[in-house]
Every structure is written in structure tokens, then in C-alpha cells.
């Protein structure tokens, strides 16, 4: 996932993977920061492209959300890339 995201020049090296469950189905949400502020239309197009590229690699259809720079939380020390919100 990281390799695909960092291969996209419009994406900053800040991302978060959220695993959640809805109606007994797991869903994979990948939140990525853009390097610069993008229009909503550009965010949608970039999210669609990244979702396609990721699906080709991980064989799962993720939901990709492109957010503005500085939106995702920063952690001191080791980054926390994956957040599992499922209640098992």
C-alpha cells in the first residue's frame, strides 16, 4: 500500500489505514494527504485513481479519501498507520 501511495506525486507521505466493520462486512478505508490543497473534484479523481491502483496490487477494493495537507494526526515516535475500529 505504501509503495503505491508514495509512487503518486500528488500525495504526501502521510496516510492512515482504517479497518472498520459495517453490516458484518469489513471495509478498508485509506486516508491520504495531498501535498497541496486540491479542489474537491481533483480529490475525487485522485481517490478514484488510487483506489484502482491499490485494487490491482492488494486485490481488495479500498475506499480512498484524499484529505488536505496537515489533516491526519501526527505521532511522536513510531507512526501509527493502521487503526482497527472493528469490534470482534
PDB file of N, CA and C in Angstrom:
ATOM      1  N   UNK A   1       0.843  -1.188   0.000  1.00  0.00           N
ATOM      2  CA  UNK A   1       0.000   0.000   0.000  1.00  0.00           C
ATOM      3  C   UNK A   1       0.884   1.245   0.000  1.00  0.00           C
ATOM      4  N   UNK A   2       1.875   1.245   0.874  1.00  0.00           N
ATOM      5  CA  UNK A   2       2.757   2.403   0.975  1.00  0.00           C
ATOM      6  C   UNK A   2       3.467   2.680  -0.350  1.00  0.00           C
ATOM      7  N   UNK A   3       3.911   1.635  -1.016  1.00  0.00           N
ATOM      8  CA  UNK A   3       4.620   1.801  -2.290  1.00  0.00           C
ATOM      9  C   UNK A   3       3.725   2.461  -3.336  1.00  0.00           C
ATOM     10  N   UNK A   4       2.470   2.042  -3.413  1.00  0.00           N
ATOM     11  CA  UNK A   4       1.529   2.633  -4.373  1.00  0.00           C
ATOM     12  C   UNK A   4       1.289   4.098  -4.033  1.00  0.00           C
ATOM     13  N   UNK A   5       1.046   4.377  -2.757  1.00  0.00           N
ATOM     14  CA  UNK A   5       0.742   5.751  -2.354  1.00  0.00           C
ATOM     15  C   UNK A   5       1.926   6.684  -2.579  1.00  0.00           C
ATOM     16  N   UNK A   6       3.110   6.237  -2.204  1.00  0.00           N
ATOM     17  CA  UNK A   6       4.281   7.097  -2.349  1.00  0.00           C
ATOM     18  C   UNK A   6       4.724   7.229  -3.806  1.00  0.00           C
ATOM     19  N   UNK A   7       4.223   6.367  -4.670  1.00  0.00           N
ATOM     20  CA  UNK A   7       4.508   6.478  -6.095  1.00  0.00           C
ATOM     21  C   UNK A   7       3.669   7.534  -6.791  1.00  0.00           C
ATOM     22  N   UNK A   8       2.689   8.069  -6.098  1.00  0.00           N
ATOM     23  CA  UNK A   8       1.820   9.113  -6.664  1.00  0.00           C
ATOM     24  C   UNK A   8       2.387  10.483  -6.281  1.00  0.00           C
ATOM     25  N   UNK A   9       2.821  11.286  -7.269  1.00  0.00           N
ATOM     26  CA  UNK A   9       3.478  12.563  -6.955  1.00  0.00           C
ATOM     27  C   UNK A   9       2.591  13.594  -6.241  1.00  0.00           C
ATOM     28  N   UNK A  10       1.288  13.474  -6.321  1.00  0.00           N
ATOM     29  CA  UNK A  10       0.408  14.448  -5.665  1.00  0.00           C
ATOM     30  C   UNK A  10       0.156  14.131  -4.192  1.00  0.00           C
ATOM     31  N   UNK A  11       0.631  12.961  -3.737  1.00  0.00           N
ATOM     32  CA  UNK A  11       0.353  12.506  -2.374  1.00  0.00           C
ATOM     33  C   UNK A  11       1.560  12.739  -1.470  1.00  0.00           C
ATOM     34  N   UNK A  12       1.300  13.291  -0.277  1.00  0.00           N
ATOM     35  CA  UNK A  12       2.334  13.467   0.750  1.00  0.00           C
ATOM     36  C   UNK A  12       2.592  12.113   1.418  1.00  0.00           C
ATOM     37  N   UNK A  13       3.696  11.962   2.125  1.00  0.00           N
ATOM     38  CA  UNK A  13       3.987  10.672   2.761  1.00  0.00           C
ATOM     39  C   UNK A  13       3.233  10.457   4.077  1.00  0.00           C
ATOM     40  N   UNK A  14       2.040  10.992   4.181  1.00  0.00           N
ATOM     41  CA  UNK A  14       1.218  10.831   5.386  1.00  0.00           C
ATOM     42  C   UNK A  14      -0.079  10.141   4.990  1.00  0.00           C
ATOM     43  N   UNK A  15      -0.298   8.963   5.554  1.00  0.00           N
ATOM     44  CA  UNK A  15      -1.528   8.236   5.259  1.00  0.00           C
ATOM     45  C   UNK A  15      -1.933   7.422   6.472  1.00  0.00           C
ATOM     46  N   UNK A  16      -3.171   6.994   6.461  1.00  0.00           N
ATOM     47  CA  UNK A  16      -3.705   6.196   7.559  1.00  0.00           C
ATOM     48  C   UNK A  16      -4.654   5.161   6.970  1.00  0.00           C
ATOM     49  N   UNK A  17      -4.558   3.941   7.473  1.00  0.00           N
ATOM     50  CA  UNK A  17      -5.427   2.858   7.036  1.00  0.00           C
ATOM     51  C   UNK A  17      -6.402   2.572   8.169  1.00  0.00           C
ATOM     52  N   UNK A  18      -7.683   2.651   7.876  1.00  0.00           N
ATOM     53  CA  UNK A  18      -8.714   2.405   8.880  1.00  0.00           C
ATOM     54  C   UNK A  18      -9.490   1.164   8.460  1.00  0.00           C
ATOM     55  N   UNK A  19      -9.561   0.194   9.354  1.00  0.00           N
ATOM     56  CA  UNK A  19     -10.347  -1.012   9.104  1.00  0.00           C
ATOM     57  C   UNK A  19     -11.580  -0.919   9.983  1.00  0.00           C
ATOM     58  N   UNK A  20     -12.732  -1.028   9.376  1.00  0.00           N
ATOM     59  CA  UNK A  20     -13.991  -0.897  10.107  1.00  0.00           C
ATOM     60  C   UNK A  20     -14.925  -2.012   9.667  1.00  0.00           C
ATOM     61  N   UNK A  21     -15.996  -2.179  10.363  1.00  0.00           N
ATOM     62  CA  UNK A  21     -16.976  -3.208  10.023  1.00  0.00           C
ATOM     63  C   UNK A  21     -18.342  -2.553   9.927  1.00  0.00           C
ATOM     64  N   UNK A  22     -19.050  -2.888   8.846  1.00  0.00           N
ATOM     65  CA  UNK A  22     -20.393  -2.359   8.621  1.00  0.00           C
ATOM     66  C   UNK A  22     -21.263  -3.498   8.111  1.00  0.00           C
ATOM     67  N   UNK A  23     -22.345  -3.789   8.818  1.00  0.00           N
ATOM     68  CA  UNK A  23     -23.251  -4.873   8.431  1.00  0.00           C
ATOM     69  C   UNK A  23     -22.507  -6.194   8.225  1.00  0.00           C
ATOM     70  N   UNK A  24     -21.667  -6.550   9.179  1.00  0.00           N
ATOM     71  CA  UNK A  24     -20.903  -7.805   9.181  1.00  0.00           C
ATOM     72  C   UNK A  24     -19.874  -7.894   8.049  1.00  0.00           C
ATOM     73  N   UNK A  25     -19.604  -6.782   7.388  1.00  0.00           N
ATOM     74  CA  UNK A  25     -18.608  -6.749   6.311  1.00  0.00           C
ATOM     75  C   UNK A  25     -17.478  -5.796   6.700  1.00  0.00           C
ATOM     76  N   UNK A  26     -16.250  -6.270   6.544  1.00  0.00           N
ATOM     77  CA  UNK A  26     -15.110  -5.399   6.803  1.00  0.00           C
ATOM     78  C   UNK A  26     -14.953  -4.427   5.646  1.00  0.00           C
ATOM     79  N   UNK A  27     -14.516  -3.211   5.976  1.00  0.00           N
ATOM     80  CA  UNK A  27     -14.212  -2.254   4.917  1.00  0.00           C
ATOM     81  C   UNK A  27     -12.863  -1.621   5.204  1.00  0.00           C
ATOM     82  N   UNK A  28     -12.142  -1.351   4.148  1.00  0.00           N
ATOM     83  CA  UNK A  28     -10.803  -0.798   4.214  1.00  0.00           C
ATOM     84  C   UNK A  28     -10.854   0.638   3.711  1.00  0.00           C
ATOM     85  N   UNK A  29     -10.531   1.568   4.592  1.00  0.00           N
ATOM     86  CA  UNK A  29     -10.535   2.987   4.243  1.00  0.00           C
ATOM     87  C   UNK A  29      -9.093   3.472   4.316  1.00  0.00           C
ATOM     88  N   UNK A  30      -8.624   4.047   3.240  1.00  0.00           N
ATOM     89  CA  UNK A  30      -7.265   4.570   3.207  1.00  0.00           C
ATOM     90  C   UNK A  30      -7.362   6.083   3.052  1.00  0.00           C
ATOM     91  N   UNK A  31      -6.905   6.784   4.077  1.00  0.00           N
ATOM     92  CA  UNK A  31      -6.920   8.241   4.072  1.00  0.00           C
ATOM     93  C   UNK A  31      -5.516   8.716   3.726  1.00  0.00           C
ATOM     94  N   UNK A  32      -5.420   9.571   2.726  1.00  0.00           N
ATOM     95  CA  UNK A  32      -4.118  10.071   2.281  1.00  0.00           C
ATOM     96  C   UNK A  32      -4.150  11.592   2.233  1.00  0.00           C
ATOM     97  N   UNK A  33      -3.016  12.198   2.534  1.00  0.00           N
ATOM     98  CA  UNK A  33      -2.905  13.654   2.447  1.00  0.00           C
ATOM     99  C   UNK A  33      -2.320  14.031   1.095  1.00  0.00           C
ATOM    100  N   UNK A  34      -2.888  15.055   0.505  1.00  0.00           N
ATOM    101  CA  UNK A  34      -2.306  15.594  -0.719  1.00  0.00           C
ATOM    102  C   UNK A  34      -1.144  16.512  -0.332  1.00  0.00           C
ATOM    103  N   UNK A  35      -0.213  16.706  -1.253  1.00  0.00           N
ATOM    104  CA  UNK A  35       0.922  17.591  -0.981  1.00  0.00           C
ATOM    105  C   UNK A  35       0.489  19.044  -0.933  1.00  0.00           C
ATOM    106  N   UNK A  36      -0.491  19.385  -1.767  1.00  0.00           N
ATOM    107  CA  UNK A  36      -1.028  20.747  -1.797  1.00  0.00           C
ATOM    108  C   UNK A  36      -2.546  20.665  -1.714  1.00  0.00           C
ATOM    109  N   UNK A  37      -3.166  21.774  -1.402  1.00  0.00           N
ATOM    110  CA  UNK A  37      -4.625  21.800  -1.318  1.00  0.00           C
ATOM    111  C   UNK A  37      -5.202  21.598  -2.723  1.00  0.00           C
ATOM    112  N   UNK A  38      -6.126  20.644  -2.844  1.00  0.00           N
ATOM    113  CA  UNK A  38      -6.743  20.323  -4.133  1.00  0.00           C
ATOM    114  C   UNK A  38      -8.226  20.669  -4.098  1.00  0.00           C
ATOM    115  N   UNK A  39      -8.795  20.877  -5.266  1.00  0.00           N
ATOM    116  CA  UNK A  39     -10.242  21.083  -5.354  1.00  0.00           C
ATOM    117  C   UNK A  39     -10.945  19.769  -5.027  1.00  0.00           C
ATOM    118  N   UNK A  40     -12.206  19.846  -4.666  1.00  0.00           N
ATOM    119  CA  UNK A  40     -12.969  18.632  -4.360  1.00  0.00           C
ATOM    120  C   UNK A  40     -13.015  17.701  -5.568  1.00  0.00           C
ATOM    121  N   UNK A  41     -13.137  18.270  -6.754  1.00  0.00           N
ATOM    122  CA  UNK A  41     -13.161  17.466  -7.984  1.00  0.00           C
ATOM    123  C   UNK A  41     -11.832  16.729  -8.179  1.00  0.00           C
ATOM    124  N   UNK A  42     -10.717  17.442  -7.969  1.00  0.00           N
ATOM    125  CA  UNK A  42      -9.401  16.810  -8.102  1.00  0.00           C
ATOM    126  C   UNK A  42      -9.198  15.724  -7.050  1.00  0.00           C
ATOM    127  N   UNK A  43      -9.702  15.950  -5.833  1.00  0.00           N
ATOM    128  CA  UNK A  43      -9.610  14.929  -4.777  1.00  0.00           C
ATOM    129  C   UNK A  43     -10.362  13.667  -5.188  1.00  0.00           C
ATOM    130  N   UNK A  44     -11.551  13.840  -5.755  1.00  0.00           N
ATOM    131  CA  UNK A  44     -12.351  12.686  -6.188  1.00  0.00           C
ATOM    132  C   UNK A  44     -11.638  11.906  -7.292  1.00  0.00           C
ATOM    133  N   UNK A  45     -11.092  12.619  -8.256  1.00  0.00           N
ATOM    134  CA  UNK A  45     -10.379  11.956  -9.355  1.00  0.00           C
ATOM    135  C   UNK A  45      -9.141  11.216  -8.851  1.00  0.00           C
ATOM    136  N   UNK A  46      -8.395  11.853  -7.957  1.00  0.00           N
ATOM    137  CA  UNK A  46      -7.198  11.226  -7.404  1.00  0.00           C
ATOM    138  C   UNK A  46      -7.566  10.008  -6.554  1.00  0.00           C
ATOM    139  N   UNK A  47      -8.622  10.115  -5.764  1.00  0.00           N
ATOM    140  CA  UNK A  47      -9.076   8.987  -4.938  1.00  0.00           C
ATOM    141  C   UNK A  47      -9.474   7.805  -5.816  1.00  0.00           C
ATOM    142  N   UNK A  48     -10.155   8.088  -6.907  1.00  0.00           N
ATOM    143  CA  UNK A  48     -10.580   7.025  -7.824  1.00  0.00           C
ATOM    144  C   UNK A  48      -9.365   6.333  -8.455  1.00  0.00           C
ATOM    145  N   UNK A  49      -8.377   7.130  -8.872  1.00  0.00           N
ATOM    146  CA  UNK A  49      -7.160   6.566  -9.463  1.00  0.00           C
ATOM    147  C   UNK A  49      -6.412   5.709  -8.446  1.00  0.00           C
ATOM    148  N   UNK A  50      -6.255   6.218  -7.225  1.00  0.00           N
ATOM    149  CA  UNK A  50      -5.540   5.467  -6.195  1.00  0.00           C
ATOM    150  C   UNK A  50      -6.277   4.184  -5.830  1.00  0.00           C
ATOM    151  N   UNK A  51      -7.603   4.243  -5.744  1.00  0.00           N
ATOM    152  CA  UNK A  51      -8.392   3.046  -5.420  1.00  0.00           C
ATOM    153  C   UNK A  51      -8.162   1.972  -6.483  1.00  0.00           C
ATOM    154  N   UNK A  52      -8.140   2.381  -7.745  1.00  0.00           N
ATOM    155  CA  UNK A  52      -7.890   1.432  -8.833  1.00  0.00           C
ATOM    156  C   UNK A  52      -6.481   0.839  -8.717  1.00  0.00           C
ATOM    157  N   UNK A  53      -5.476   1.708  -8.539  1.00  0.00           N
ATOM    158  CA  UNK A  53      -4.086   1.245  -8.440  1.00  0.00           C
ATOM    159  C   UNK A  53      -3.905   0.296  -7.256  1.00  0.00           C
ATOM    160  N   UNK A  54      -4.510   0.624  -6.126  1.00  0.00           N
ATOM    161  CA  UNK A  54      -4.398  -0.227  -4.936  1.00  0.00           C
ATOM    162  C   UNK A  54      -5.095  -1.565  -5.138  1.00  0.00           C
ATOM    163  N   UNK A  55      -6.265  -1.544  -5.754  1.00  0.00           N
ATOM    164  CA  UNK A  55      -7.008  -2.784  -6.003  1.00  0.00           C
ATOM    165  C   UNK A  55      -6.184  -3.741  -6.865  1.00  0.00           C
ATOM    166  N   UNK A  56      -5.444  -3.200  -7.808  1.00  0.00           N
ATOM    167  CA  UNK A  56      -4.599  -4.028  -8.671  1.00  0.00           C
ATOM    168  C   UNK A  56      -3.492  -4.723  -7.875  1.00  0.00           C
ATOM    169  N   UNK A  57      -3.044  -4.120  -6.789  1.00  0.00           N
ATOM    170  CA  UNK A  57      -1.936  -4.657  -6.000  1.00  0.00           C
ATOM    171  C   UNK A  57      -2.420  -5.529  -4.847  1.00  0.00           C
ATOM    172  N   UNK A  58      -3.427  -5.057  -4.100  1.00  0.00           N
ATOM    173  CA  UNK A  58      -3.833  -5.783  -2.884  1.00  0.00           C
ATOM    174  C   UNK A  58      -5.050  -6.677  -3.088  1.00  0.00           C
ATOM    175  N   UNK A  59      -5.653  -6.618  -4.274  1.00  0.00           N
ATOM    176  CA  UNK A  59      -6.798  -7.471  -4.629  1.00  0.00           C
ATOM    177  C   UNK A  59      -8.018  -7.249  -3.729  1.00  0.00           C
ATOM    178  N   UNK A  60      -8.111  -6.079  -3.151  1.00  0.00           N
ATOM    179  CA  UNK A  60      -9.248  -5.672  -2.328  1.00  0.00           C
ATOM    180  C   UNK A  60      -9.616  -4.268  -2.781  1.00  0.00           C
ATOM    181  N   UNK A  61     -10.905  -3.962  -2.815  1.00  0.00           N
ATOM    182  CA  UNK A  61     -11.342  -2.628  -3.225  1.00  0.00           C
ATOM    183  C   UNK A  61     -11.421  -1.705  -2.009  1.00  0.00           C
ATOM    184  N   UNK A  62     -10.436  -0.825  -1.844  1.00  0.00           N
ATOM    185  CA  UNK A  62     -10.466   0.082  -0.709  1.00  0.00           C
ATOM    186  C   UNK A  62     -11.298   1.328  -1.007  1.00  0.00           C
ATOM    187  N   UNK A  63     -11.696   1.992   0.050  1.00  0.00           N
ATOM    188  CA  UNK A  63     -12.279   3.325  -0.062  1.00  0.00           C
ATOM    189  C   UNK A  63     -11.113   4.281   0.170  1.00  0.00           C
ATOM    190  N   UNK A  64     -10.847   5.157  -0.779  1.00  0.00           N
ATOM    191  CA  UNK A  64      -9.740   6.099  -0.639  1.00  0.00           C
ATOM    192  C   UNK A  64     -10.313   7.491  -0.410  1.00  0.00           C
ATOM    193  N   UNK A  65      -9.802   8.151   0.619  1.00  0.00           N
ATOM    194  CA  UNK A  65     -10.204   9.520   0.935  1.00  0.00           C
ATOM    195  C   UNK A  65      -8.959  10.399   0.863  1.00  0.00           C
ATOM    196  N   UNK A  66      -8.985  11.389  -0.018  1.00  0.00           N
ATOM    197  CA  UNK A  66      -7.878  12.339  -0.124  1.00  0.00           C
ATOM    198  C   UNK A  66      -8.238  13.547   0.737  1.00  0.00           C
ATOM    199  N   UNK A  67      -7.351  13.879   1.671  1.00  0.00           N
ATOM    200  CA  UNK A  67      -7.603  14.997   2.580  1.00  0.00           C
ATOM    201  C   UNK A  67      -6.533  16.065   2.386  1.00  0.00           C
ATOM    202  N   UNK A  68      -6.807  17.257   2.904  1.00  0.00           N
ATOM    203  CA  UNK A  68      -5.879  18.380   2.776  1.00  0.00           C
ATOM    204  C   UNK A  68      -4.604  18.146   3.584  1.00  0.00           C
ATOM    205  N   UNK A  69      -3.522  18.825   3.203  1.00  0.00           N
ATOM    206  CA  UNK A  69      -2.267  18.708   3.953  1.00  0.00           C
ATOM    207  C   UNK A  69      -2.471  19.079   5.427  1.00  0.00           C
ATOM    208  N   UNK A  70      -1.816  18.321   6.322  1.00  0.00           N
ATOM    209  CA  UNK A  70      -1.888  18.608   7.749  1.00  0.00           C
ATOM    210  C   UNK A  70      -3.130  18.098   8.448  1.00  0.00           C
ATOM    211  N   UNK A  71      -3.990  17.360   7.753  1.00  0.00           N
ATOM    212  CA  UNK A  71      -5.248  16.878   8.323  1.00  0.00           C
ATOM    213  C   UNK A  71      -5.065  15.653   9.209  1.00  0.00           C
ATOM    214  N   UNK A  72      -4.252  14.719   8.779  1.00  0.00           N
ATOM    215  CA  UNK A  72      -4.093  13.467   9.525  1.00  0.00           C
ATOM    216  C   UNK A  72      -3.232  13.684  10.767  1.00  0.00           C
ATOM    217  N   UNK A  73      -3.518  12.926  11.833  1.00  0.00           N
ATOM    218  CA  UNK A  73      -2.752  13.105  13.074  1.00  0.00           C
ATOM    219  C   UNK A  73      -1.295  12.696  12.896  1.00  0.00           C
ATOM    220  N   UNK A  74      -0.434  13.384  13.616  1.00  0.00           N
ATOM    221  CA  UNK A  74       0.993  13.061  13.638  1.00  0.00           C
ATOM    222  C   UNK A  74       1.292  12.444  14.997  1.00  0.00           C
ATOM    223  N   UNK A  75       2.192  11.488  15.004  1.00  0.00           N
ATOM    224  CA  UNK A  75       2.541  10.800  16.240  1.00  0.00           C
ATOM    225  C   UNK A  75       4.025  10.977  16.522  1.00  0.00           C
ATOM    226  N   UNK A  76       4.358  11.164  17.782  1.00  0.00           N
ATOM    227  CA  UNK A  76       5.765  11.186  18.182  1.00  0.00           C
ATOM    228  C   UNK A  76       6.260   9.747  18.188  1.00  0.00           C
ATOM    229  N   UNK A  77       7.432   9.546  17.661  1.00  0.00           N
ATOM    230  CA  UNK A  77       7.963   8.186  17.625  1.00  0.00           C
ATOM    231  C   UNK A  77       7.437   7.419  16.428  1.00  0.00           C
ATOM    232  N   UNK A  78       7.096   6.162  16.660  1.00  0.00           N
ATOM    233  CA  UNK A  78       6.667   5.269  15.587  1.00  0.00           C
ATOM    234  C   UNK A  78       5.300   5.687  15.040  1.00  0.00           C
ATOM    235  N   UNK A  79       5.188   5.860  13.718  1.00  0.00           N
ATOM    236  CA  UNK A  79       3.893   6.234  13.136  1.00  0.00           C
ATOM    237  C   UNK A  79       2.860   5.122  13.303  1.00  0.00           C
ATOM    238  N   UNK A  80       1.625   5.517  13.429  1.00  0.00           N
ATOM    239  CA  UNK A  80       0.531   4.555  13.561  1.00  0.00           C
ATOM    240  C   UNK A  80      -0.255   4.577  12.257  1.00  0.00           C
ATOM    241  N   UNK A  81       0.091   3.665  11.363  1.00  0.00           N
ATOM    242  CA  UNK A  81      -0.513   3.649  10.042  1.00  0.00           C
ATOM    243  C   UNK A  81      -1.869   2.966  10.012  1.00  0.00           C
ATOM    244  N   UNK A  82      -2.078   1.973  10.872  1.00  0.00           N
ATOM    245  CA  UNK A  82      -3.307   1.176  10.812  1.00  0.00           C
ATOM    246  C   UNK A  82      -4.120   1.370  12.086  1.00  0.00           C
ATOM    247  N   UNK A  83      -5.403   1.680  11.894  1.00  0.00           N
ATOM    248  CA  UNK A  83      -6.341   1.802  13.008  1.00  0.00           C
ATOM    249  C   UNK A  83      -7.459   0.801  12.756  1.00  0.00           C
ATOM    250  N   UNK A  84      -7.624  -0.128  13.677  1.00  0.00           N
ATOM    251  CA  UNK A  84      -8.652  -1.164  13.548  1.00  0.00           C
ATOM    252  C   UNK A  84      -9.818  -0.800  14.458  1.00  0.00           C
ATOM    253  N   UNK A  85     -10.936  -0.410  13.860  1.00  0.00           N
ATOM    254  CA  UNK A  85     -12.119   0.001  14.617  1.00  0.00           C
ATOM    255  C   UNK A  85     -13.142  -1.119  14.758  1.00  0.00           C
ATOM    256  N   UNK A  86     -12.808  -2.302  14.269  1.00  0.00           N
ATOM    257  CA  UNK A  86     -13.758  -3.409  14.339  1.00  0.00           C
ATOM    258  C   UNK A  86     -13.949  -3.860  15.782  1.00  0.00           C
ATOM    259  N   UNK A  87     -15.169  -4.214  16.098  1.00  0.00           N
ATOM    260  CA  UNK A  87     -15.467  -4.827  17.387  1.00  0.00           C
ATOM    261  C   UNK A  87     -15.725  -6.293  17.089  1.00  0.00           C
ATOM    262  N   UNK A  88     -14.805  -7.132  17.497  1.00  0.00           N
ATOM    263  CA  UNK A  88     -14.910  -8.556  17.159  1.00  0.00           C
ATOM    264  C   UNK A  88     -15.640  -9.325  18.230  1.00  0.00           C
TER     265      UNK A  88
END
